[in-house]
Amino acid sequence: MISLTDREKAIIVVTATISAVFGVWFGLWSVPGAALDVPKEMGHNGELSPAYVPVPTWLPFISGLAVLVSLVGARNILRDPDEPGDEGDTVAADGGEVSDGQ
């Protein structure tokens, strides 16, 4: 099995997220709006108006949030393991036993 470094894992996480967000937006923009304009709502003057909303209001927020979450995840992957608060394996000061940080 291939062993990936932390840097490679972070690159894969960010690239996959950006590719997924780009794919959703590209798919959304590739469909012509006229193809989905189906009259569903009654206008003020009694005429039907198209009800197709090309971009849902939540999509830009979810897209930005997904990219931010992937960047935070990549930062956590690349975080220095010697930072305070990290519970990794530690060696006793006398060079003796190895504890698991608990």
N, C-alpha and C. Protein backbone atom coordinates (compact mmCIF):
# COMPACT_ATOMS: atom_id res chain seq x y z
N MET A 1 0.83 -1.17 0.00
CA MET A 1 0.00 0.00 0.00
C MET A 1 0.88 1.24 0.00
N ILE A 2 0.40 2.28 -0.61
CA ILE A 2 1.15 3.52 -0.71
C ILE A 2 1.05 4.27 0.61
N SER A 3 2.19 4.73 1.10
CA SER A 3 2.21 5.51 2.32
C SER A 3 2.31 6.99 1.93
N LEU A 4 1.34 7.77 2.37
CA LEU A 4 1.32 9.19 2.02
C LEU A 4 1.87 10.03 3.17
N THR A 5 2.59 11.08 2.81
CA THR A 5 3.06 12.01 3.83
C THR A 5 1.91 12.92 4.24
N ASP A 6 2.11 13.64 5.33
CA ASP A 6 1.07 14.56 5.79
C ASP A 6 0.82 15.65 4.76
N ARG A 7 1.86 16.12 4.10
CA ARG A 7 1.70 17.16 3.07
C ARG A 7 0.85 16.66 1.92
N GLU A 8 1.08 15.43 1.48
CA GLU A 8 0.29 14.85 0.39
C GLU A 8 -1.17 14.67 0.80
N LYS A 9 -1.41 14.26 2.05
CA LYS A 9 -2.78 14.11 2.54
C LYS A 9 -3.50 15.46 2.54
N ALA A 10 -2.81 16.51 2.98
CA ALA A 10 -3.41 17.85 3.00
C ALA A 10 -3.73 18.33 1.59
N ILE A 11 -2.84 18.08 0.66
CA ILE A 11 -3.07 18.47 -0.74
C ILE A 11 -4.28 17.73 -1.30
N ILE A 12 -4.41 16.45 -1.00
CA ILE A 12 -5.54 15.66 -1.49
C ILE A 12 -6.85 16.18 -0.92
N VAL A 13 -6.88 16.51 0.36
CA VAL A 13 -8.10 17.02 0.99
C VAL A 13 -8.56 18.32 0.34
N VAL A 14 -7.64 19.26 0.19
CA VAL A 14 -8.00 20.57 -0.38
C VAL A 14 -8.37 20.44 -1.86
N THR A 15 -7.61 19.66 -2.61
CA THR A 15 -7.88 19.49 -4.04
C THR A 15 -9.23 18.81 -4.27
N ALA A 16 -9.53 17.80 -3.50
CA ALA A 16 -10.82 17.10 -3.66
C ALA A 16 -11.99 18.02 -3.35
N THR A 17 -11.86 18.83 -2.32
CA THR A 17 -12.95 19.74 -1.96
C THR A 17 -13.15 20.81 -3.02
N ILE A 18 -12.05 21.41 -3.46
CA ILE A 18 -12.16 22.46 -4.48
C ILE A 18 -12.70 21.87 -5.78
N SER A 19 -12.30 20.66 -6.12
CA SER A 19 -12.82 20.02 -7.33
C SER A 19 -14.32 19.74 -7.22
N ALA A 20 -14.77 19.30 -6.05
CA ALA A 20 -16.19 19.03 -5.86
C ALA A 20 -17.02 20.32 -5.95
N VAL A 21 -16.54 21.38 -5.32
CA VAL A 21 -17.25 22.67 -5.37
C VAL A 21 -17.27 23.19 -6.80
N PHE A 22 -16.13 23.12 -7.49
CA PHE A 22 -16.08 23.57 -8.88
C PHE A 22 -17.03 22.74 -9.75
N GLY A 23 -17.07 21.45 -9.52
CA GLY A 23 -17.96 20.58 -10.30
C GLY A 23 -19.42 20.91 -10.11
N VAL A 24 -19.81 21.21 -8.88
CA VAL A 24 -21.21 21.59 -8.62
C VAL A 24 -21.55 22.88 -9.34
N TRP A 25 -20.68 23.88 -9.24
CA TRP A 25 -20.95 25.16 -9.89
C TRP A 25 -20.91 25.04 -11.41
N PHE A 26 -19.96 24.26 -11.93
CA PHE A 26 -19.89 24.07 -13.38
C PHE A 26 -21.14 23.37 -13.88
N GLY A 27 -21.59 22.36 -13.16
CA GLY A 27 -22.82 21.66 -13.54
C GLY A 27 -24.02 22.57 -13.49
N LEU A 28 -24.05 23.44 -12.51
CA LEU A 28 -25.16 24.38 -12.40
C LEU A 28 -25.18 25.37 -13.55
N TRP A 29 -24.00 25.88 -13.90
CA TRP A 29 -23.91 26.86 -14.98
C TRP A 29 -24.01 26.24 -16.37
N SER A 30 -23.77 24.95 -16.49
CA SER A 30 -23.81 24.32 -17.81
C SER A 30 -25.24 24.07 -18.30
N VAL A 31 -26.21 24.07 -17.40
CA VAL A 31 -27.61 23.89 -17.78
C VAL A 31 -28.17 25.26 -18.14
N PRO A 32 -28.68 25.44 -19.35
CA PRO A 32 -29.25 26.74 -19.70
C PRO A 32 -30.50 27.03 -18.87
N GLY A 33 -30.63 28.26 -18.44
CA GLY A 33 -31.76 28.64 -17.61
C GLY A 33 -33.08 28.47 -18.31
N ALA A 34 -33.11 28.68 -19.63
CA ALA A 34 -34.35 28.54 -20.39
C ALA A 34 -34.88 27.11 -20.37
N ALA A 35 -33.99 26.15 -20.23
CA ALA A 35 -34.42 24.75 -20.21
C ALA A 35 -35.21 24.42 -18.95
N LEU A 36 -34.97 25.16 -17.90
CA LEU A 36 -35.63 24.87 -16.64
C LEU A 36 -36.67 25.90 -16.25
N ASP A 37 -36.94 26.89 -17.11
CA ASP A 37 -37.97 27.89 -16.83
C ASP A 37 -39.34 27.26 -17.04
N VAL A 38 -39.93 26.85 -15.97
CA VAL A 38 -41.25 26.24 -16.02
C VAL A 38 -42.20 27.18 -15.30
N PRO A 39 -43.22 27.68 -16.00
CA PRO A 39 -44.13 28.60 -15.32
C PRO A 39 -44.88 27.91 -14.19
N LYS A 40 -44.71 28.42 -12.99
CA LYS A 40 -45.36 27.81 -11.83
C LYS A 40 -46.05 28.83 -10.95
N GLU A 41 -45.61 30.06 -10.96
CA GLU A 41 -46.15 31.05 -10.05
C GLU A 41 -47.05 32.04 -10.78
N MET A 42 -48.10 32.43 -10.14
CA MET A 42 -49.01 33.41 -10.71
C MET A 42 -48.51 34.80 -10.37
N GLY A 43 -48.33 35.63 -11.38
CA GLY A 43 -47.87 36.99 -11.18
C GLY A 43 -48.98 37.89 -10.67
N HIS A 44 -48.63 39.15 -10.42
CA HIS A 44 -49.61 40.12 -9.90
C HIS A 44 -50.69 40.44 -10.92
N ASN A 45 -50.35 40.39 -12.19
CA ASN A 45 -51.32 40.73 -13.23
C ASN A 45 -52.03 39.50 -13.79
N GLY A 46 -51.92 38.36 -13.13
CA GLY A 46 -52.63 37.16 -13.55
C GLY A 46 -51.85 36.29 -14.52
N GLU A 47 -50.62 36.67 -14.89
CA GLU A 47 -49.81 35.87 -15.81
C GLU A 47 -48.89 34.94 -15.00
N LEU A 48 -48.57 33.82 -15.62
CA LEU A 48 -47.64 32.90 -14.98
C LEU A 48 -46.22 33.41 -15.18
N SER A 49 -45.42 33.26 -14.16
CA SER A 49 -44.02 33.67 -14.26
C SER A 49 -43.13 32.46 -13.98
N PRO A 50 -41.92 32.43 -14.56
CA PRO A 50 -41.03 31.29 -14.31
C PRO A 50 -40.61 31.24 -12.86
N ALA A 51 -40.56 30.05 -12.32
CA ALA A 51 -40.24 29.89 -10.90
C ALA A 51 -38.85 29.29 -10.71
N TYR A 52 -38.11 29.09 -11.78
CA TYR A 52 -36.78 28.48 -11.66
C TYR A 52 -35.81 29.46 -11.01
N VAL A 53 -35.17 29.04 -9.97
CA VAL A 53 -34.13 29.83 -9.32
C VAL A 53 -32.80 29.16 -9.67
N PRO A 54 -31.97 29.81 -10.50
CA PRO A 54 -30.75 29.14 -10.97
C PRO A 54 -29.75 28.82 -9.86
N VAL A 55 -29.65 29.64 -8.85
CA VAL A 55 -28.71 29.38 -7.76
C VAL A 55 -29.46 29.48 -6.44
N PRO A 56 -29.58 28.38 -5.73
CA PRO A 56 -30.22 28.46 -4.42
C PRO A 56 -29.43 29.40 -3.50
N THR A 57 -30.10 30.06 -2.59
CA THR A 57 -29.43 31.03 -1.73
C THR A 57 -28.41 30.39 -0.81
N TRP A 58 -28.55 29.12 -0.50
CA TRP A 58 -27.63 28.47 0.41
C TRP A 58 -26.38 27.95 -0.28
N LEU A 59 -26.38 27.82 -1.59
CA LEU A 59 -25.25 27.21 -2.29
C LEU A 59 -23.95 27.99 -2.17
N PRO A 60 -23.92 29.32 -2.32
CA PRO A 60 -22.65 30.02 -2.13
C PRO A 60 -22.09 29.87 -0.72
N PHE A 61 -22.97 29.87 0.28
CA PHE A 61 -22.50 29.72 1.66
C PHE A 61 -21.92 28.33 1.91
N ILE A 62 -22.60 27.31 1.41
CA ILE A 62 -22.11 25.94 1.58
C ILE A 62 -20.79 25.74 0.82
N SER A 63 -20.68 26.35 -0.36
CA SER A 63 -19.45 26.24 -1.14
C SER A 63 -18.27 26.86 -0.39
N GLY A 64 -18.48 28.06 0.13
CA GLY A 64 -17.41 28.71 0.90
C GLY A 64 -17.08 27.96 2.16
N LEU A 65 -18.11 27.46 2.84
CA LEU A 65 -17.90 26.71 4.07
C LEU A 65 -17.13 25.42 3.81
N ALA A 66 -17.42 24.74 2.72
CA ALA A 66 -16.72 23.49 2.40
C ALA A 66 -15.23 23.75 2.16
N VAL A 67 -14.92 24.82 1.45
CA VAL A 67 -13.51 25.14 1.19
C VAL A 67 -12.82 25.52 2.50
N LEU A 68 -13.47 26.31 3.34
CA LEU A 68 -12.87 26.69 4.62
C LEU A 68 -12.63 25.48 5.52
N VAL A 69 -13.59 24.57 5.55
CA VAL A 69 -13.44 23.37 6.38
C VAL A 69 -12.28 22.52 5.86
N SER A 70 -12.13 22.41 4.55
CA SER A 70 -11.01 21.63 4.01
C SER A 70 -9.67 22.29 4.32
N LEU A 71 -9.62 23.63 4.29
CA LEU A 71 -8.38 24.32 4.63
C LEU A 71 -8.02 24.14 6.10
N VAL A 72 -9.03 24.17 6.97
CA VAL A 72 -8.78 23.93 8.40
C VAL A 72 -8.32 22.49 8.61
N GLY A 73 -8.95 21.56 7.90
CA GLY A 73 -8.53 20.16 8.00
C GLY A 73 -7.10 19.96 7.52
N ALA A 74 -6.74 20.63 6.44
CA ALA A 74 -5.37 20.53 5.94
C ALA A 74 -4.39 21.14 6.93
N ARG A 75 -4.79 22.23 7.55
CA ARG A 75 -3.93 22.86 8.56
C ARG A 75 -3.73 21.91 9.74
N ASN A 76 -4.79 21.22 10.15
CA ASN A 76 -4.67 20.27 11.26
C ASN A 76 -3.79 19.09 10.89
N ILE A 77 -3.84 18.67 9.63
CA ILE A 77 -2.99 17.57 9.19
C ILE A 77 -1.52 17.99 9.23
N LEU A 78 -1.25 19.24 8.83
CA LEU A 78 0.13 19.73 8.76
C LEU A 78 0.62 20.32 10.06
N ARG A 79 -0.24 20.38 11.07
CA ARG A 79 0.13 20.98 12.36
C ARG A 79 1.37 20.31 12.93
N ASP A 80 2.21 21.10 13.55
CA ASP A 80 3.42 20.59 14.17
C ASP A 80 3.05 19.69 15.34
N PRO A 81 3.52 18.45 15.35
CA PRO A 81 3.13 17.53 16.42
C PRO A 81 3.69 17.91 17.79
N ASP A 82 4.64 18.85 17.84
CA ASP A 82 5.24 19.25 19.11
C ASP A 82 4.53 20.42 19.76
N GLU A 83 3.39 20.85 19.21
CA GLU A 83 2.64 21.97 19.80
C GLU A 83 2.11 21.57 21.17
N PRO A 84 1.99 22.54 22.07
CA PRO A 84 1.40 22.23 23.38
C PRO A 84 -0.05 21.76 23.20
N GLY A 85 -0.43 20.83 24.02
CA GLY A 85 -1.79 20.32 23.94
C GLY A 85 -1.90 19.09 23.05
N ASP A 86 -0.87 18.78 22.29
CA ASP A 86 -0.89 17.60 21.45
C ASP A 86 -0.51 16.40 22.31
N GLU A 87 -1.35 15.38 22.31
CA GLU A 87 -1.10 14.22 23.16
C GLU A 87 -0.50 13.09 22.34
N GLY A 88 0.77 13.21 22.05
CA GLY A 88 1.47 12.16 21.32
C GLY A 88 2.29 11.34 22.28
N ASP A 89 3.08 10.44 21.75
CA ASP A 89 3.97 9.64 22.58
C ASP A 89 5.08 10.53 23.13
N THR A 90 5.37 10.38 24.42
CA THR A 90 6.43 11.16 25.04
C THR A 90 7.39 10.22 25.74
N VAL A 91 8.64 10.64 25.82
CA VAL A 91 9.68 9.85 26.49
C VAL A 91 9.94 10.51 27.83
N ALA A 92 10.07 9.71 28.85
CA ALA A 92 10.34 10.22 30.19
C ALA A 92 11.66 10.95 30.20
N ALA A 93 11.80 11.91 31.12
CA ALA A 93 13.02 12.73 31.21
C ALA A 93 14.24 11.88 31.49
N ASP A 94 14.08 10.78 32.20
CA ASP A 94 15.25 9.95 32.51
C ASP A 94 15.59 8.97 31.40
N GLY A 95 14.89 9.07 30.27
CA GLY A 95 15.18 8.21 29.14
C GLY A 95 14.57 6.83 29.30
N GLY A 96 13.70 6.68 30.26
CA GLY A 96 13.12 5.36 30.57
C GLY A 96 11.93 5.03 29.70
N GLU A 97 10.81 4.82 30.35
CA GLU A 97 9.62 4.32 29.70
C GLU A 97 8.99 5.34 28.75
N VAL A 98 8.27 4.80 27.80
CA VAL A 98 7.53 5.65 26.86
C VAL A 98 6.07 5.60 27.26
N SER A 99 5.46 6.80 27.44
CA SER A 99 4.04 6.84 27.78
C SER A 99 3.25 7.31 26.58
N ASP A 100 1.96 7.06 26.62
CA ASP A 100 1.11 7.46 25.50
C ASP A 100 0.43 8.80 25.74
N GLY A 101 0.90 9.58 26.70
CA GLY A 101 0.38 10.92 26.94
C GLY A 101 -0.87 10.95 27.83
N GLN A 102 -1.26 9.84 28.41
CA GLN A 102 -2.46 9.81 29.26
C GLN A 102 -2.11 9.72 30.70
